[in-house]
Structures are given as structure tokens and as C-alpha cells.
């Protein structure tokens, strides 16, 4: 996956994908989570060592992390079920990779 392909996936997920659908209690299946993770790993590798990242990309990353977490919390408060696989693994992996990008961690799995 190229950086631009990865960026397109993340920008989509921040606007029409997971950040939007999670407001309605709809979370991606594992195959889509894997695509998001691959995109995040590609971005992480491409930005490794850089001190500045593009504002739109940073905003998209933030929106995914913030909105999905907030939407999950709201769903749980209202008794809306979230698949255990996504709530315990999928979101943790996505959020961990976003943090790795922002904090310029060494390669993560």
C-alpha cells in the first residue's frame, strides 16, 4: 500500500467510515480493521522521524481516535452492544497505532 492509498483510507474513515458509522453503533468487521491497520502502519513508516505532519492527516487521525472512543462510550452507556472483538482488540490496535504516529514510536506490530 502506498502512502497516498493509506492516507485516502484514513481520510475516508474519519469522514464517512468508522468515525461516522460508530455513531450509529456500526463497527467494522475484522477484515476492514485489518485494512485500517495496514494503512496506519504505512503512514507510521512513512512519517517515522518527521517532526511535522500534514494538518488534514493529523485531523483525520485525531477524529478516528476521539470520535470512535466517544461513540463507543456513549453506546455502552445506552446499552448498545459492541462486538467484543472490536471493543477489546480492534479499537485498541487502531488507537495504539495512531498514538505511535503522533508520538513517533518505533515500529509497532
N, C-alpha and C. Protein backbone atom coordinates (compact mmCIF):
# COMPACT_ATOMS: atom_id res chain seq x y z
N UNK A 1 0.85 -1.17 0.00
CA UNK A 1 0.00 0.00 0.00
C UNK A 1 0.90 1.24 0.00
N UNK A 2 0.57 2.19 -0.85
CA UNK A 2 1.34 3.43 -0.90
C UNK A 2 0.86 4.38 0.21
N UNK A 3 1.65 5.41 0.47
CA UNK A 3 1.28 6.41 1.46
C UNK A 3 -0.03 7.09 1.06
N UNK A 4 -0.18 7.43 -0.20
CA UNK A 4 -1.39 8.11 -0.65
C UNK A 4 -2.63 7.22 -0.53
N UNK A 5 -2.47 5.93 -0.81
CA UNK A 5 -3.59 4.99 -0.62
C UNK A 5 -3.96 4.90 0.86
N UNK A 6 -2.94 4.83 1.70
CA UNK A 6 -3.18 4.77 3.14
C UNK A 6 -3.86 6.03 3.64
N UNK A 7 -3.38 7.14 3.18
CA UNK A 7 -3.97 8.42 3.57
C UNK A 7 -5.44 8.50 3.16
N UNK A 8 -5.75 8.03 1.95
CA UNK A 8 -7.14 8.05 1.47
C UNK A 8 -8.04 7.18 2.35
N UNK A 9 -7.54 6.05 2.78
CA UNK A 9 -8.32 5.18 3.67
C UNK A 9 -8.59 5.88 4.99
N UNK A 10 -7.57 6.50 5.56
CA UNK A 10 -7.73 7.18 6.86
C UNK A 10 -8.66 8.39 6.73
N UNK A 11 -8.52 9.15 5.67
CA UNK A 11 -9.42 10.30 5.49
C UNK A 11 -10.86 9.85 5.29
N UNK A 12 -11.07 8.74 4.58
CA UNK A 12 -12.42 8.20 4.42
C UNK A 12 -12.97 7.74 5.77
N UNK A 13 -12.17 7.01 6.53
CA UNK A 13 -12.63 6.50 7.82
C UNK A 13 -12.97 7.64 8.79
N UNK A 14 -12.29 8.77 8.65
CA UNK A 14 -12.55 9.91 9.53
C UNK A 14 -13.82 10.67 9.16
N UNK A 15 -14.25 10.52 7.91
CA UNK A 15 -15.42 11.30 7.48
C UNK A 15 -16.66 10.43 7.25
N UNK A 16 -16.52 9.36 6.49
CA UNK A 16 -17.67 8.53 6.15
C UNK A 16 -17.58 7.12 6.70
N UNK A 17 -16.43 6.76 7.23
CA UNK A 17 -16.22 5.39 7.70
C UNK A 17 -16.48 5.24 9.18
N UNK A 18 -15.52 4.68 9.87
CA UNK A 18 -15.68 4.28 11.26
C UNK A 18 -16.07 5.43 12.19
N UNK A 19 -15.56 6.61 11.97
CA UNK A 19 -15.91 7.74 12.84
C UNK A 19 -17.39 8.11 12.69
N UNK A 20 -17.95 7.89 11.51
CA UNK A 20 -19.37 8.18 11.26
C UNK A 20 -20.24 6.99 11.67
N UNK A 21 -19.90 5.80 11.19
CA UNK A 21 -20.76 4.64 11.45
C UNK A 21 -20.82 4.26 12.92
N UNK A 22 -19.74 4.53 13.65
CA UNK A 22 -19.75 4.18 15.07
C UNK A 22 -20.76 5.02 15.85
N UNK A 23 -21.15 6.17 15.31
CA UNK A 23 -22.21 6.98 15.96
C UNK A 23 -23.52 6.22 16.00
N UNK A 24 -23.67 5.28 15.08
CA UNK A 24 -24.90 4.51 14.95
C UNK A 24 -24.72 3.08 15.44
N UNK A 25 -23.63 2.84 16.15
CA UNK A 25 -23.39 1.51 16.70
C UNK A 25 -22.93 0.49 15.68
N UNK A 26 -22.42 0.96 14.54
CA UNK A 26 -21.94 0.05 13.50
C UNK A 26 -20.41 0.11 13.47
N UNK A 27 -19.79 -1.03 13.70
CA UNK A 27 -18.34 -1.10 13.77
C UNK A 27 -17.84 -2.04 12.68
N UNK A 28 -16.63 -1.82 12.18
CA UNK A 28 -16.14 -2.61 11.05
C UNK A 28 -15.87 -4.07 11.43
N UNK A 29 -16.01 -4.94 10.43
CA UNK A 29 -15.64 -6.34 10.62
C UNK A 29 -14.11 -6.42 10.64
N UNK A 30 -13.59 -7.56 11.05
CA UNK A 30 -12.15 -7.71 11.23
C UNK A 30 -11.37 -7.42 9.94
N UNK A 31 -11.89 -7.81 8.81
CA UNK A 31 -11.18 -7.58 7.54
C UNK A 31 -10.98 -6.08 7.31
N UNK A 32 -11.98 -5.27 7.61
CA UNK A 32 -11.84 -3.82 7.44
C UNK A 32 -10.89 -3.25 8.49
N UNK A 33 -10.94 -3.76 9.70
CA UNK A 33 -9.99 -3.33 10.73
C UNK A 33 -8.56 -3.59 10.24
N UNK A 34 -8.33 -4.74 9.62
CA UNK A 34 -7.00 -5.06 9.10
C UNK A 34 -6.57 -4.07 8.03
N UNK A 35 -7.49 -3.63 7.17
CA UNK A 35 -7.17 -2.62 6.16
C UNK A 35 -6.78 -1.29 6.82
N UNK A 36 -7.53 -0.92 7.84
CA UNK A 36 -7.23 0.33 8.56
C UNK A 36 -5.87 0.21 9.23
N UNK A 37 -5.59 -0.93 9.84
CA UNK A 37 -4.30 -1.13 10.50
C UNK A 37 -3.15 -1.08 9.49
N UNK A 38 -3.35 -1.69 8.33
CA UNK A 38 -2.31 -1.65 7.29
C UNK A 38 -2.06 -0.19 6.86
N UNK A 39 -3.13 0.57 6.69
CA UNK A 39 -2.98 1.98 6.32
C UNK A 39 -2.22 2.74 7.41
N UNK A 40 -2.56 2.49 8.66
CA UNK A 40 -1.87 3.19 9.76
C UNK A 40 -0.40 2.79 9.83
N UNK A 41 -0.10 1.51 9.62
CA UNK A 41 1.31 1.08 9.62
C UNK A 41 2.08 1.75 8.47
N UNK A 42 1.46 1.86 7.32
CA UNK A 42 2.10 2.51 6.17
C UNK A 42 2.39 3.98 6.49
N UNK A 43 1.43 4.66 7.08
CA UNK A 43 1.62 6.06 7.46
C UNK A 43 2.70 6.18 8.53
N UNK A 44 2.68 5.28 9.49
CA UNK A 44 3.69 5.31 10.56
C UNK A 44 5.09 5.19 9.98
N UNK A 45 5.28 4.23 9.09
CA UNK A 45 6.61 4.05 8.47
C UNK A 45 7.01 5.28 7.66
N UNK A 46 6.07 5.84 6.91
CA UNK A 46 6.38 6.99 6.05
C UNK A 46 6.73 8.24 6.86
N UNK A 47 6.13 8.39 8.02
CA UNK A 47 6.35 9.60 8.81
C UNK A 47 7.41 9.43 9.89
N UNK A 48 7.96 8.24 10.02
CA UNK A 48 8.95 7.97 11.07
C UNK A 48 10.07 9.00 11.02
N UNK A 49 10.32 9.63 12.14
CA UNK A 49 11.41 10.59 12.25
C UNK A 49 11.05 12.01 11.85
N UNK A 50 9.89 12.22 11.25
CA UNK A 50 9.49 13.57 10.86
C UNK A 50 8.97 14.32 12.09
N UNK A 51 9.22 15.59 12.14
CA UNK A 51 8.77 16.39 13.27
C UNK A 51 7.45 17.09 13.00
N UNK A 52 7.01 17.10 11.74
CA UNK A 52 5.77 17.77 11.35
C UNK A 52 4.97 16.84 10.45
N UNK A 53 3.64 16.81 10.65
CA UNK A 53 2.79 16.07 9.72
C UNK A 53 1.70 17.00 9.21
N UNK A 54 1.14 16.65 8.09
CA UNK A 54 0.11 17.43 7.44
C UNK A 54 -1.10 17.62 8.36
N UNK A 55 -1.63 18.81 8.38
CA UNK A 55 -2.76 19.15 9.25
C UNK A 55 -4.00 18.29 8.97
N UNK A 56 -4.34 18.09 7.69
CA UNK A 56 -5.54 17.31 7.37
C UNK A 56 -5.38 15.86 7.81
N UNK A 57 -4.20 15.29 7.61
CA UNK A 57 -3.95 13.93 8.06
C UNK A 57 -4.00 13.85 9.58
N UNK A 58 -3.39 14.80 10.26
CA UNK A 58 -3.43 14.82 11.73
C UNK A 58 -4.87 14.91 12.22
N UNK A 59 -5.66 15.75 11.58
CA UNK A 59 -7.07 15.89 11.97
C UNK A 59 -7.81 14.58 11.76
N UNK A 60 -7.57 13.92 10.66
CA UNK A 60 -8.24 12.65 10.38
C UNK A 60 -7.88 11.59 11.42
N UNK A 61 -6.61 11.52 11.76
CA UNK A 61 -6.18 10.58 12.79
C UNK A 61 -6.84 10.89 14.13
N UNK A 62 -6.86 12.16 14.49
CA UNK A 62 -7.47 12.57 15.75
C UNK A 62 -8.96 12.24 15.76
N UNK A 63 -9.65 12.54 14.67
CA UNK A 63 -11.10 12.28 14.61
C UNK A 63 -11.39 10.80 14.81
N UNK A 64 -10.62 9.94 14.16
CA UNK A 64 -10.85 8.50 14.33
C UNK A 64 -10.68 8.11 15.79
N UNK A 65 -9.57 8.51 16.38
CA UNK A 65 -9.31 8.14 17.77
C UNK A 65 -10.36 8.71 18.72
N UNK A 66 -10.62 9.98 18.61
CA UNK A 66 -11.53 10.66 19.53
C UNK A 66 -12.98 10.26 19.33
N UNK A 67 -13.46 10.30 18.10
CA UNK A 67 -14.87 10.02 17.83
C UNK A 67 -15.24 8.58 18.12
N UNK A 68 -14.41 7.65 17.70
CA UNK A 68 -14.75 6.24 17.92
C UNK A 68 -14.77 5.93 19.41
N UNK A 69 -13.79 6.43 20.12
CA UNK A 69 -13.75 6.20 21.57
C UNK A 69 -14.99 6.81 22.24
N UNK A 70 -15.33 8.03 21.89
CA UNK A 70 -16.51 8.68 22.44
C UNK A 70 -17.79 7.96 22.06
N UNK A 71 -17.88 7.54 20.81
CA UNK A 71 -19.07 6.83 20.35
C UNK A 71 -19.23 5.48 21.04
N UNK A 72 -18.11 4.80 21.27
CA UNK A 72 -18.17 3.53 21.98
C UNK A 72 -18.64 3.75 23.41
N UNK A 73 -18.11 4.78 24.06
CA UNK A 73 -18.53 5.09 25.42
C UNK A 73 -20.02 5.39 25.49
N UNK A 74 -20.50 6.19 24.55
CA UNK A 74 -21.92 6.53 24.51
C UNK A 74 -22.79 5.31 24.25
N UNK A 75 -22.33 4.42 23.37
CA UNK A 75 -23.09 3.20 23.08
C UNK A 75 -23.19 2.33 24.33
N UNK A 76 -22.08 2.19 25.02
CA UNK A 76 -22.10 1.36 26.23
C UNK A 76 -23.01 1.96 27.30
N UNK A 77 -23.00 3.28 27.42
CA UNK A 77 -23.88 3.94 28.40
C UNK A 77 -25.35 3.71 28.07
N UNK A 78 -25.68 3.60 26.78
CA UNK A 78 -27.07 3.39 26.35
C UNK A 78 -27.42 1.91 26.18
N UNK A 79 -26.48 1.03 26.51
CA UNK A 79 -26.74 -0.39 26.40
C UNK A 79 -26.70 -0.94 24.99
N UNK A 80 -26.08 -0.21 24.07
CA UNK A 80 -25.95 -0.68 22.69
C UNK A 80 -24.74 -1.62 22.64
N UNK A 81 -24.94 -2.84 22.18
CA UNK A 81 -23.82 -3.79 22.18
C UNK A 81 -22.74 -3.45 21.16
N UNK A 82 -21.52 -3.73 21.54
CA UNK A 82 -20.36 -3.59 20.65
C UNK A 82 -19.68 -4.94 20.65
N UNK A 83 -19.31 -5.41 19.48
CA UNK A 83 -18.68 -6.73 19.43
C UNK A 83 -17.45 -6.73 20.33
N UNK A 84 -17.29 -7.82 21.05
CA UNK A 84 -16.15 -7.92 21.97
C UNK A 84 -14.83 -7.85 21.21
N UNK A 85 -14.80 -8.44 20.02
CA UNK A 85 -13.58 -8.41 19.22
C UNK A 85 -13.16 -6.97 18.91
N UNK A 86 -14.12 -6.13 18.53
CA UNK A 86 -13.77 -4.75 18.20
C UNK A 86 -13.46 -3.96 19.47
N UNK A 87 -14.26 -4.11 20.50
CA UNK A 87 -14.06 -3.28 21.69
C UNK A 87 -12.81 -3.65 22.46
N UNK A 88 -12.38 -4.90 22.40
CA UNK A 88 -11.20 -5.29 23.17
C UNK A 88 -9.92 -5.37 22.35
N UNK A 89 -10.05 -5.55 21.05
CA UNK A 89 -8.86 -5.69 20.23
C UNK A 89 -8.79 -4.67 19.10
N UNK A 90 -9.80 -4.61 18.27
CA UNK A 90 -9.78 -3.74 17.09
C UNK A 90 -9.51 -2.29 17.42
N UNK A 91 -10.29 -1.72 18.34
CA UNK A 91 -10.09 -0.32 18.65
C UNK A 91 -8.75 -0.08 19.34
N UNK A 92 -8.36 -0.99 20.22
CA UNK A 92 -7.06 -0.85 20.89
C UNK A 92 -5.93 -0.80 19.87
N UNK A 93 -5.97 -1.67 18.87
CA UNK A 93 -4.92 -1.70 17.85
C UNK A 93 -4.91 -0.41 17.04
N UNK A 94 -6.08 0.06 16.63
CA UNK A 94 -6.18 1.29 15.85
C UNK A 94 -5.66 2.46 16.67
N UNK A 95 -6.14 2.60 17.88
CA UNK A 95 -5.74 3.72 18.72
C UNK A 95 -4.25 3.68 19.06
N UNK A 96 -3.72 2.49 19.27
CA UNK A 96 -2.30 2.34 19.58
C UNK A 96 -1.44 2.80 18.40
N UNK A 97 -1.84 2.45 17.18
CA UNK A 97 -1.08 2.88 16.00
C UNK A 97 -1.19 4.38 15.78
N UNK A 98 -2.34 4.96 16.05
CA UNK A 98 -2.48 6.41 15.93
C UNK A 98 -1.55 7.10 16.93
N UNK A 99 -1.51 6.60 18.15
CA UNK A 99 -0.60 7.16 19.15
C UNK A 99 0.85 7.00 18.71
N UNK A 100 1.19 5.86 18.11
CA UNK A 100 2.55 5.63 17.62
C UNK A 100 2.93 6.65 16.56
N UNK A 101 1.97 7.02 15.70
CA UNK A 101 2.24 8.04 14.67
C UNK A 101 2.48 9.39 15.33
N UNK A 102 1.60 9.79 16.23
CA UNK A 102 1.73 11.09 16.88
C UNK A 102 3.00 11.20 17.73
N UNK A 103 3.35 10.13 18.41
CA UNK A 103 4.49 10.19 19.32
C UNK A 103 5.78 9.65 18.70
N UNK A 104 5.72 9.26 17.43
CA UNK A 104 6.90 8.78 16.68
C UNK A 104 7.59 7.60 17.37
N UNK A 105 6.76 6.65 17.81
CA UNK A 105 7.31 5.44 18.43
C UNK A 105 8.06 4.63 17.39
N UNK A 106 8.89 3.71 17.87
CA UNK A 106 9.50 2.74 16.99
C UNK A 106 8.40 1.87 16.39
N UNK A 107 8.75 1.06 15.41
CA UNK A 107 7.76 0.24 14.71
C UNK A 107 6.92 -0.55 15.70
N UNK A 108 5.66 -0.57 15.45
CA UNK A 108 4.72 -1.33 16.25
C UNK A 108 4.10 -2.41 15.39
N UNK A 109 3.61 -3.46 16.01
CA UNK A 109 3.04 -4.58 15.26
C UNK A 109 1.61 -4.33 14.91
